[in-house]
PDB file of N, CA and C in Angstrom:
ATOM      1  N   MET A   1    -220.672 -81.410  27.304  1.00  0.00           N
ATOM      2  CA  MET A   1    -219.503 -81.645  26.504  1.00  0.00           C
ATOM      3  C   MET A   1    -218.360 -80.900  27.181  1.00  0.00           C
ATOM      4  N   ASP A   2    -217.213 -81.539  27.257  1.00  0.00           N
ATOM      5  CA  ASP A   2    -216.079 -80.929  27.943  1.00  0.00           C
ATOM      6  C   ASP A   2    -214.802 -81.160  27.144  1.00  0.00           C
ATOM      7  N   LEU A   3    -214.093 -80.093  26.859  1.00  0.00           N
ATOM      8  CA  LEU A   3    -212.763 -80.145  26.243  1.00  0.00           C
ATOM      9  C   LEU A   3    -212.736 -80.788  24.850  1.00  0.00           C
ATOM     10  N   LEU A   4    -213.364 -80.147  23.903  1.00  0.00           N
ATOM     11  CA  LEU A   4    -213.288 -80.572  22.504  1.00  0.00           C
ATOM     12  C   LEU A   4    -212.287 -79.668  21.803  1.00  0.00           C
ATOM     13  N   TYR A   5    -211.152 -80.234  21.451  1.00  0.00           N
ATOM     14  CA  TYR A   5    -210.096 -79.478  20.783  1.00  0.00           C
ATOM     15  C   TYR A   5    -209.611 -80.240  19.559  1.00  0.00           C
ATOM     16  N   VAL A   6    -209.093 -79.495  18.596  1.00  0.00           N
ATOM     17  CA  VAL A   6    -208.466 -80.072  17.412  1.00  0.00           C
ATOM     18  C   VAL A   6    -207.060 -79.487  17.324  1.00  0.00           C
ATOM     19  N   HIS A   7    -206.092 -80.313  16.999  1.00  0.00           N
ATOM     20  CA  HIS A   7    -204.710 -79.844  16.852  1.00  0.00           C
ATOM     21  C   HIS A   7    -204.673 -78.734  15.800  1.00  0.00           C
ATOM     22  N   PRO A   8    -203.903 -77.682  16.045  1.00  0.00           N
ATOM     23  CA  PRO A   8    -203.850 -76.568  15.088  1.00  0.00           C
ATOM     24  C   PRO A   8    -203.535 -76.985  13.649  1.00  0.00           C
ATOM     25  N   VAL A   9    -202.757 -78.027  13.466  1.00  0.00           N
ATOM     26  CA  VAL A   9    -202.431 -78.500  12.114  1.00  0.00           C
ATOM     27  C   VAL A   9    -203.694 -78.987  11.391  1.00  0.00           C
ATOM     28  N   ALA A  10    -204.661 -79.510  12.151  1.00  0.00           N
ATOM     29  CA  ALA A  10    -205.883 -80.048  11.560  1.00  0.00           C
ATOM     30  C   ALA A  10    -207.019 -79.027  11.504  1.00  0.00           C
ATOM     31  N   ALA A  11    -206.807 -77.836  12.048  1.00  0.00           N
ATOM     32  CA  ALA A  11    -207.865 -76.820  12.080  1.00  0.00           C
ATOM     33  C   ALA A  11    -208.329 -76.461  10.672  1.00  0.00           C
ATOM     34  N   GLY A  12    -209.633 -76.309  10.523  1.00  0.00           N
ATOM     35  CA  GLY A  12    -210.201 -75.906   9.239  1.00  0.00           C
ATOM     36  C   GLY A  12    -210.339 -77.018   8.221  1.00  0.00           C
ATOM     37  N   GLN A  13    -210.068 -78.265   8.623  1.00  0.00           N
ATOM     38  CA  GLN A  13    -210.147 -79.394   7.693  1.00  0.00           C
ATOM     39  C   GLN A  13    -211.368 -80.278   7.933  1.00  0.00           C
ATOM     40  N   GLY A  14    -212.273 -79.849   8.820  1.00  0.00           N
ATOM     41  CA  GLY A  14    -213.488 -80.615   9.067  1.00  0.00           C
ATOM     42  C   GLY A  14    -213.385 -81.632  10.184  1.00  0.00           C
ATOM     43  N   VAL A  15    -212.239 -81.721  10.832  1.00  0.00           N
ATOM     44  CA  VAL A  15    -212.054 -82.708  11.901  1.00  0.00           C
ATOM     45  C   VAL A  15    -212.983 -82.402  13.075  1.00  0.00           C
ATOM     46  N   GLY A  16    -213.048 -81.137  13.490  1.00  0.00           N
ATOM     47  CA  GLY A  16    -213.927 -80.754  14.596  1.00  0.00           C
ATOM     48  C   GLY A  16    -215.382 -81.041  14.276  1.00  0.00           C
ATOM     49  N   SER A  17    -215.786 -80.775  13.049  1.00  0.00           N
ATOM     50  CA  SER A  17    -217.165 -81.047  12.628  1.00  0.00           C
ATOM     51  C   SER A  17    -217.471 -82.539  12.673  1.00  0.00           C
ATOM     52  N   MET A  18    -216.525 -83.358  12.239  1.00  0.00           N
ATOM     53  CA  MET A  18    -216.728 -84.811  12.303  1.00  0.00           C
ATOM     54  C   MET A  18    -216.840 -85.279  13.747  1.00  0.00           C
ATOM     55  N   LEU A  19    -215.994 -84.722  14.630  1.00  0.00           N
ATOM     56  CA  LEU A  19    -216.037 -85.107  16.039  1.00  0.00           C
ATOM     57  C   LEU A  19    -217.365 -84.733  16.683  1.00  0.00           C
ATOM     58  N   ILE A  20    -217.824 -83.515  16.448  1.00  0.00           N
ATOM     59  CA  ILE A  20    -219.067 -83.084  17.079  1.00  0.00           C
ATOM     60  C   ILE A  20    -220.262 -83.843  16.504  1.00  0.00           C
ATOM     61  N   ASP A  21    -220.260 -84.131  15.214  1.00  0.00           N
ATOM     62  CA  ASP A  21    -221.338 -84.926  14.615  1.00  0.00           C
ATOM     63  C   ASP A  21    -221.390 -86.318  15.236  1.00  0.00           C
ATOM     64  N   ALA A  22    -220.230 -86.943  15.405  1.00  0.00           N
ATOM     65  CA  ALA A  22    -220.177 -88.276  16.011  1.00  0.00           C
ATOM     66  C   ALA A  22    -220.642 -88.230  17.464  1.00  0.00           C
ATOM     67  N   LEU A  23    -220.219 -87.205  18.200  1.00  0.00           N
ATOM     68  CA  LEU A  23    -220.624 -87.071  19.596  1.00  0.00           C
ATOM     69  C   LEU A  23    -222.132 -86.887  19.720  1.00  0.00           C
ATOM     70  N   GLU A  24    -222.711 -86.064  18.865  1.00  0.00           N
ATOM     71  CA  GLU A  24    -224.158 -85.842  18.902  1.00  0.00           C
ATOM     72  C   GLU A  24    -224.921 -87.130  18.595  1.00  0.00           C
ATOM     73  N   LYS A  25    -224.465 -87.893  17.619  1.00  0.00           N
ATOM     74  CA  LYS A  25    -225.125 -89.159  17.284  1.00  0.00           C
ATOM     75  C   LYS A  25    -225.018 -90.149  18.435  1.00  0.00           C
ATOM     76  N   LEU A  26    -223.835 -90.252  19.035  1.00  0.00           N
ATOM     77  CA  LEU A  26    -223.635 -91.164  20.158  1.00  0.00           C
ATOM     78  C   LEU A  26    -224.491 -90.755  21.349  1.00  0.00           C
ATOM     79  N   ALA A  27    -224.502 -89.467  21.672  1.00  0.00           N
ATOM     80  CA  ALA A  27    -225.300 -88.987  22.806  1.00  0.00           C
ATOM     81  C   ALA A  27    -226.783 -89.251  22.569  1.00  0.00           C
ATOM     82  N   GLY A  28    -227.261 -88.993  21.352  1.00  0.00           N
ATOM     83  CA  GLY A  28    -228.656 -89.252  21.030  1.00  0.00           C
ATOM     84  C   GLY A  28    -229.003 -90.727  21.128  1.00  0.00           C
ATOM     85  N   ALA A  29    -228.112 -91.581  20.645  1.00  0.00           N
ATOM     86  CA  ALA A  29    -228.342 -93.026  20.706  1.00  0.00           C
ATOM     87  C   ALA A  29    -228.380 -93.521  22.147  1.00  0.00           C
ATOM     88  N   ARG A  30    -227.706 -92.804  23.039  1.00  0.00           N
ATOM     89  CA  ARG A  30    -227.701 -93.181  24.460  1.00  0.00           C
ATOM     90  C   ARG A  30    -228.800 -92.481  25.249  1.00  0.00           C
ATOM     91  N   GLY A  31    -229.702 -91.813  24.550  1.00  0.00           N
ATOM     92  CA  GLY A  31    -230.874 -91.243  25.200  1.00  0.00           C
ATOM     93  C   GLY A  31    -230.811 -89.766  25.550  1.00  0.00           C
ATOM     94  N   ALA A  32    -229.718 -89.091  25.233  1.00  0.00           N
ATOM     95  CA  ALA A  32    -229.633 -87.657  25.527  1.00  0.00           C
ATOM     96  C   ALA A  32    -230.544 -86.891  24.572  1.00  0.00           C
ATOM     97  N   ASP A  33    -231.203 -85.862  25.082  1.00  0.00           N
ATOM     98  CA  ASP A  33    -232.024 -85.034  24.206  1.00  0.00           C
ATOM     99  C   ASP A  33    -231.433 -83.645  23.998  1.00  0.00           C
ATOM    100  N   LYS A  34    -230.352 -83.336  24.746  1.00  0.00           N
ATOM    101  CA  LYS A  34    -229.724 -82.024  24.623  1.00  0.00           C
ATOM    102  C   LYS A  34    -228.260 -82.129  25.011  1.00  0.00           C
ATOM    103  N   LEU A  35    -227.408 -81.358  24.324  1.00  0.00           N
ATOM    104  CA  LEU A  35    -226.004 -81.221  24.710  1.00  0.00           C
ATOM    105  C   LEU A  35    -225.759 -79.776  25.110  1.00  0.00           C
ATOM    106  N   THR A  36    -224.904 -79.601  26.112  1.00  0.00           N
ATOM    107  CA  THR A  36    -224.551 -78.272  26.609  1.00  0.00           C
ATOM    108  C   THR A  36    -223.039 -78.151  26.638  1.00  0.00           C
ATOM    109  N   VAL A  37    -222.550 -76.958  26.304  1.00  0.00           N
ATOM    110  CA  VAL A  37    -221.112 -76.705  26.274  1.00  0.00           C
ATOM    111  C   VAL A  37    -220.859 -75.297  26.799  1.00  0.00           C
ATOM    112  N   ASP A  38    -219.752 -75.111  27.499  1.00  0.00           N
ATOM    113  CA  ASP A  38    -219.272 -73.778  27.854  1.00  0.00           C
ATOM    114  C   ASP A  38    -218.188 -73.434  26.839  1.00  0.00           C
ATOM    115  N   ALA A  39    -218.564 -72.704  25.810  1.00  0.00           N
ATOM    116  CA  ALA A  39    -217.678 -72.429  24.675  1.00  0.00           C
ATOM    117  C   ALA A  39    -216.826 -71.193  24.925  1.00  0.00           C
ATOM    118  N   SER A  40    -215.542 -71.320  24.622  1.00  0.00           N
ATOM    119  CA  SER A  40    -214.656 -70.154  24.676  1.00  0.00           C
ATOM    120  C   SER A  40    -215.100 -69.159  23.610  1.00  0.00           C
ATOM    121  N   ASP A  41    -214.661 -67.924  23.756  1.00  0.00           N
ATOM    122  CA  ASP A  41    -215.021 -66.914  22.759  1.00  0.00           C
ATOM    123  C   ASP A  41    -214.521 -67.303  21.372  1.00  0.00           C
ATOM    124  N   SER A  42    -213.365 -67.945  21.301  1.00  0.00           N
ATOM    125  CA  SER A  42    -212.826 -68.342  19.995  1.00  0.00           C
ATOM    126  C   SER A  42    -213.574 -69.529  19.391  1.00  0.00           C
ATOM    127  N   ALA A  43    -214.275 -70.314  20.208  1.00  0.00           N
ATOM    128  CA  ALA A  43    -215.003 -71.486  19.705  1.00  0.00           C
ATOM    129  C   ALA A  43    -216.491 -71.218  19.498  1.00  0.00           C
ATOM    130  N   ARG A  44    -216.971 -70.081  19.950  1.00  0.00           N
ATOM    131  CA  ARG A  44    -218.412 -69.812  19.894  1.00  0.00           C
ATOM    132  C   ARG A  44    -218.963 -69.905  18.469  1.00  0.00           C
ATOM    133  N   GLY A  45    -218.284 -69.333  17.497  1.00  0.00           N
ATOM    134  CA  GLY A  45    -218.745 -69.383  16.111  1.00  0.00           C
ATOM    135  C   GLY A  45    -218.854 -70.805  15.581  1.00  0.00           C
ATOM    136  N   PHE A  46    -217.898 -71.650  15.967  1.00  0.00           N
ATOM    137  CA  PHE A  46    -217.925 -73.058  15.557  1.00  0.00           C
ATOM    138  C   PHE A  46    -219.207 -73.719  16.049  1.00  0.00           C
ATOM    139  N   PHE A  47    -219.531 -73.522  17.329  1.00  0.00           N
ATOM    140  CA  PHE A  47    -220.730 -74.150  17.885  1.00  0.00           C
ATOM    141  C   PHE A  47    -222.007 -73.551  17.306  1.00  0.00           C
ATOM    142  N   GLU A  48    -222.021 -72.241  17.067  1.00  0.00           N
ATOM    143  CA  GLU A  48    -223.190 -71.629  16.427  1.00  0.00           C
ATOM    144  C   GLU A  48    -223.422 -72.233  15.050  1.00  0.00           C
ATOM    145  N   LYS A  49    -222.340 -72.457  14.311  1.00  0.00           N
ATOM    146  CA  LYS A  49    -222.439 -73.053  12.973  1.00  0.00           C
ATOM    147  C   LYS A  49    -223.043 -74.456  13.036  1.00  0.00           C
ATOM    148  N   HIS A  50    -222.897 -75.114  14.172  1.00  0.00           N
ATOM    149  CA  HIS A  50    -223.419 -76.473  14.337  1.00  0.00           C
ATOM    150  C   HIS A  50    -224.744 -76.503  15.090  1.00  0.00           C
ATOM    151  N   GLY A  51    -225.397 -75.352  15.196  1.00  0.00           N
ATOM    152  CA  GLY A  51    -226.750 -75.314  15.736  1.00  0.00           C
ATOM    153  C   GLY A  51    -226.870 -75.085  17.231  1.00  0.00           C
ATOM    154  N   TYR A  52    -225.779 -74.763  17.899  1.00  0.00           N
ATOM    155  CA  TYR A  52    -225.836 -74.485  19.334  1.00  0.00           C
ATOM    156  C   TYR A  52    -226.294 -73.044  19.544  1.00  0.00           C
ATOM    157  N   VAL A  53    -227.094 -72.833  20.589  1.00  0.00           N
ATOM    158  CA  VAL A  53    -227.677 -71.529  20.878  1.00  0.00           C
ATOM    159  C   VAL A  53    -227.137 -71.027  22.210  1.00  0.00           C
ATOM    160  N   ALA A  54    -226.717 -69.761  22.229  1.00  0.00           N
ATOM    161  CA  ALA A  54    -226.181 -69.164  23.453  1.00  0.00           C
ATOM    162  C   ALA A  54    -227.273 -69.072  24.512  1.00  0.00           C
ATOM    163  N   GLN A  55    -226.928 -69.457  25.749  1.00  0.00           N
ATOM    164  CA  GLN A  55    -227.850 -69.396  26.876  1.00  0.00           C
ATOM    165  C   GLN A  55    -227.458 -68.297  27.861  1.00  0.00           C
ATOM    166  N   GLN A  56    -226.152 -68.222  28.167  1.00  0.00           N
ATOM    167  CA  GLN A  56    -225.682 -67.203  29.115  1.00  0.00           C
ATOM    168  C   GLN A  56    -224.182 -67.013  28.995  1.00  0.00           C
ATOM    169  N   ARG A  57    -223.725 -65.827  29.406  1.00  0.00           N
ATOM    170  CA  ARG A  57    -222.291 -65.525  29.473  1.00  0.00           C
ATOM    171  C   ARG A  57    -221.806 -65.862  30.871  1.00  0.00           C
ATOM    172  N   ASN A  58    -220.560 -66.301  30.958  1.00  0.00           N
ATOM    173  CA  ASN A  58    -219.955 -66.685  32.232  1.00  0.00           C
ATOM    174  C   ASN A  58    -218.585 -66.041  32.367  1.00  0.00           C
ATOM    175  N   SER A  59    -218.160 -65.857  33.607  1.00  0.00           N
ATOM    176  CA  SER A  59    -216.788 -65.453  33.918  1.00  0.00           C
ATOM    177  C   SER A  59    -216.189 -66.545  34.782  1.00  0.00           C
ATOM    178  N   VAL A  60    -215.009 -67.010  34.408  1.00  0.00           N
ATOM    179  CA  VAL A  60    -214.357 -68.117  35.095  1.00  0.00           C
ATOM    180  C   VAL A  60    -212.989 -67.651  35.577  1.00  0.00           C
ATOM    181  N   SER A  61    -212.708 -67.889  36.854  1.00  0.00           N
ATOM    182  CA  SER A  61    -211.410 -67.530  37.415  1.00  0.00           C
ATOM    183  C   SER A  61    -210.407 -68.643  37.133  1.00  0.00           C
ATOM    184  N   VAL A  62    -209.304 -68.285  36.482  1.00  0.00           N
ATOM    185  CA  VAL A  62    -208.219 -69.225  36.208  1.00  0.00           C
ATOM    186  C   VAL A  62    -206.945 -68.572  36.727  1.00  0.00           C
ATOM    187  N   GLY A  63    -206.488 -69.044  37.879  1.00  0.00           N
ATOM    188  CA  GLY A  63    -205.323 -68.412  38.496  1.00  0.00           C
ATOM    189  C   GLY A  63    -205.644 -66.981  38.865  1.00  0.00           C
ATOM    190  N   ASP A  64    -204.842 -66.061  38.371  1.00  0.00           N
ATOM    191  CA  ASP A  64    -205.042 -64.637  38.648  1.00  0.00           C
ATOM    192  C   ASP A  64    -205.849 -63.928  37.564  1.00  0.00           C
ATOM    193  N   GLU A  65    -206.398 -64.678  36.623  1.00  0.00           N
ATOM    194  CA  GLU A  65    -207.118 -64.070  35.503  1.00  0.00           C
ATOM    195  C   GLU A  65    -208.584 -64.485  35.505  1.00  0.00           C
ATOM    196  N   TRP A  66    -209.397 -63.653  34.880  1.00  0.00           N
ATOM    197  CA  TRP A  66    -210.798 -63.975  34.649  1.00  0.00           C
ATOM    198  C   TRP A  66    -210.987 -64.182  33.150  1.00  0.00           C
ATOM    199  N   LEU A  67    -211.555 -65.320  32.787  1.00  0.00           N
ATOM    200  CA  LEU A  67    -211.833 -65.627  31.385  1.00  0.00           C
ATOM    201  C   LEU A  67    -213.341 -65.678  31.182  1.00  0.00           C
ATOM    202  N   ALA A  68    -213.782 -65.297  29.999  1.00  0.00           N
ATOM    203  CA  ALA A  68    -215.207 -65.339  29.681  1.00  0.00           C
ATOM    204  C   ALA A  68    -215.482 -66.505  28.745  1.00  0.00           C
ATOM    205  N   ASN A  69    -216.653 -67.112  28.917  1.00  0.00           N
ATOM    206  CA  ASN A  69    -217.128 -68.106  27.969  1.00  0.00           C
ATOM    207  C   ASN A  69    -218.647 -68.004  27.893  1.00  0.00           C
ATOM    208  N   THR A  70    -219.232 -68.796  27.038  1.00  0.00           N
ATOM    209  CA  THR A  70    -220.681 -68.757  26.834  1.00  0.00           C
ATOM    210  C   THR A  70    -221.242 -70.165  26.945  1.00  0.00           C
ATOM    211  N   THR A  71    -222.234 -70.336  27.819  1.00  0.00           N
ATOM    212  CA  THR A  71    -222.943 -71.611  27.882  1.00  0.00           C
ATOM    213  C   THR A  71    -223.872 -71.672  26.677  1.00  0.00           C
ATOM    214  N   MET A  72    -223.750 -72.767  25.912  1.00  0.00           N
ATOM    215  CA  MET A  72    -224.547 -72.962  24.708  1.00  0.00           C
ATOM    216  C   MET A  72    -225.171 -74.350  24.759  1.00  0.00           C
ATOM    217  N   SER A  73    -226.319 -74.519  24.113  1.00  0.00           N
ATOM    218  CA  SER A  73    -226.941 -75.839  24.089  1.00  0.00           C
ATOM    219  C   SER A  73    -227.568 -76.108  22.725  1.00  0.00           C
ATOM    220  N   LYS A  74    -227.805 -77.393  22.500  1.00  0.00           N
ATOM    221  CA  LYS A  74    -228.436 -77.831  21.249  1.00  0.00           C
ATOM    222  C   LYS A  74    -229.375 -78.984  21.556  1.00  0.00           C
ATOM    223  N   GLN A  75    -230.614 -78.869  21.082  1.00  0.00           N
ATOM    224  CA  GLN A  75    -231.559 -79.976  21.169  1.00  0.00           C
ATOM    225  C   GLN A  75    -231.161 -81.006  20.120  1.00  0.00           C
ATOM    226  N   LEU A  76    -231.082 -82.251  20.518  1.00  0.00           N
ATOM    227  CA  LEU A  76    -230.704 -83.318  19.593  1.00  0.00           C
ATOM    228  C   LEU A  76    -231.936 -83.911  18.930  1.00  0.00           C
ATOM    229  N   ALA A  77    -231.761 -84.337  17.705  1.00  0.00           N
ATOM    230  CA  ALA A  77    -232.840 -85.016  16.989  1.00  0.00           C
ATOM    231  C   ALA A  77    -233.079 -86.367  17.639  1.00  0.00           C
ATOM    232  N   LYS A  78    -234.324 -86.768  17.680  1.00  0.00           N
ATOM    233  CA  LYS A  78    -234.645 -88.086  18.223  1.00  0.00           C
ATOM    234  C   LYS A  78    -234.139 -89.150  17.258  1.00  0.00           C
ATOM    235  N   PRO A  79    -233.520 -90.231  17.805  1.00  0.00           N
ATOM    236  CA  PRO A  79    -233.047 -91.295  16.912  1.00  0.00           C
ATOM    237  C   PRO A  79    -234.218 -91.936  16.170  1.00  0.00           C
ATOM    238  N   GLU A  80    -233.980 -92.288  14.931  1.00  0.00           N
ATOM    239  CA  GLU A  80    -235.018 -92.936  14.126  1.00  0.00           C
ATOM    240  C   GLU A  80    -235.204 -94.370  14.583  1.00  0.00           C
ATOM    241  N   ALA A  81    -236.455 -94.805  14.635  1.00  0.00           N
ATOM    242  CA  ALA A  81    -236.751 -96.191  15.017  1.00  0.00           C
ATOM    243  C   ALA A  81    -236.310 -97.122  13.897  1.00  0.00           C
ATOM    244  N   SER A  82    -235.769 -98.283  14.311  1.00  0.00           N
ATOM    245  CA  SER A  82    -235.323 -99.232  13.283  1.00  0.00           C
ATOM    246  C   SER A  82    -236.341-100.290  13.021  1.00  0.00           C
TER     247      SER A  82
END
């Protein structure tokens, strides 16, 4: 997963949760069994709330600065047979 953001005006209204739920369902329907994200420190709690588990801490160079994030993953439920 790369670059999941919600406009600040919509923060806290469930928009991010709806987006991640839809993404997980779509990924599972397309055969994915796991999703991985490099979550910023400010987003880590959001992903933990949605069942993502921290795997490792990372340092990323952006210009003259070093930023930290956490690689997190979630096993997806197998799609139900129709």
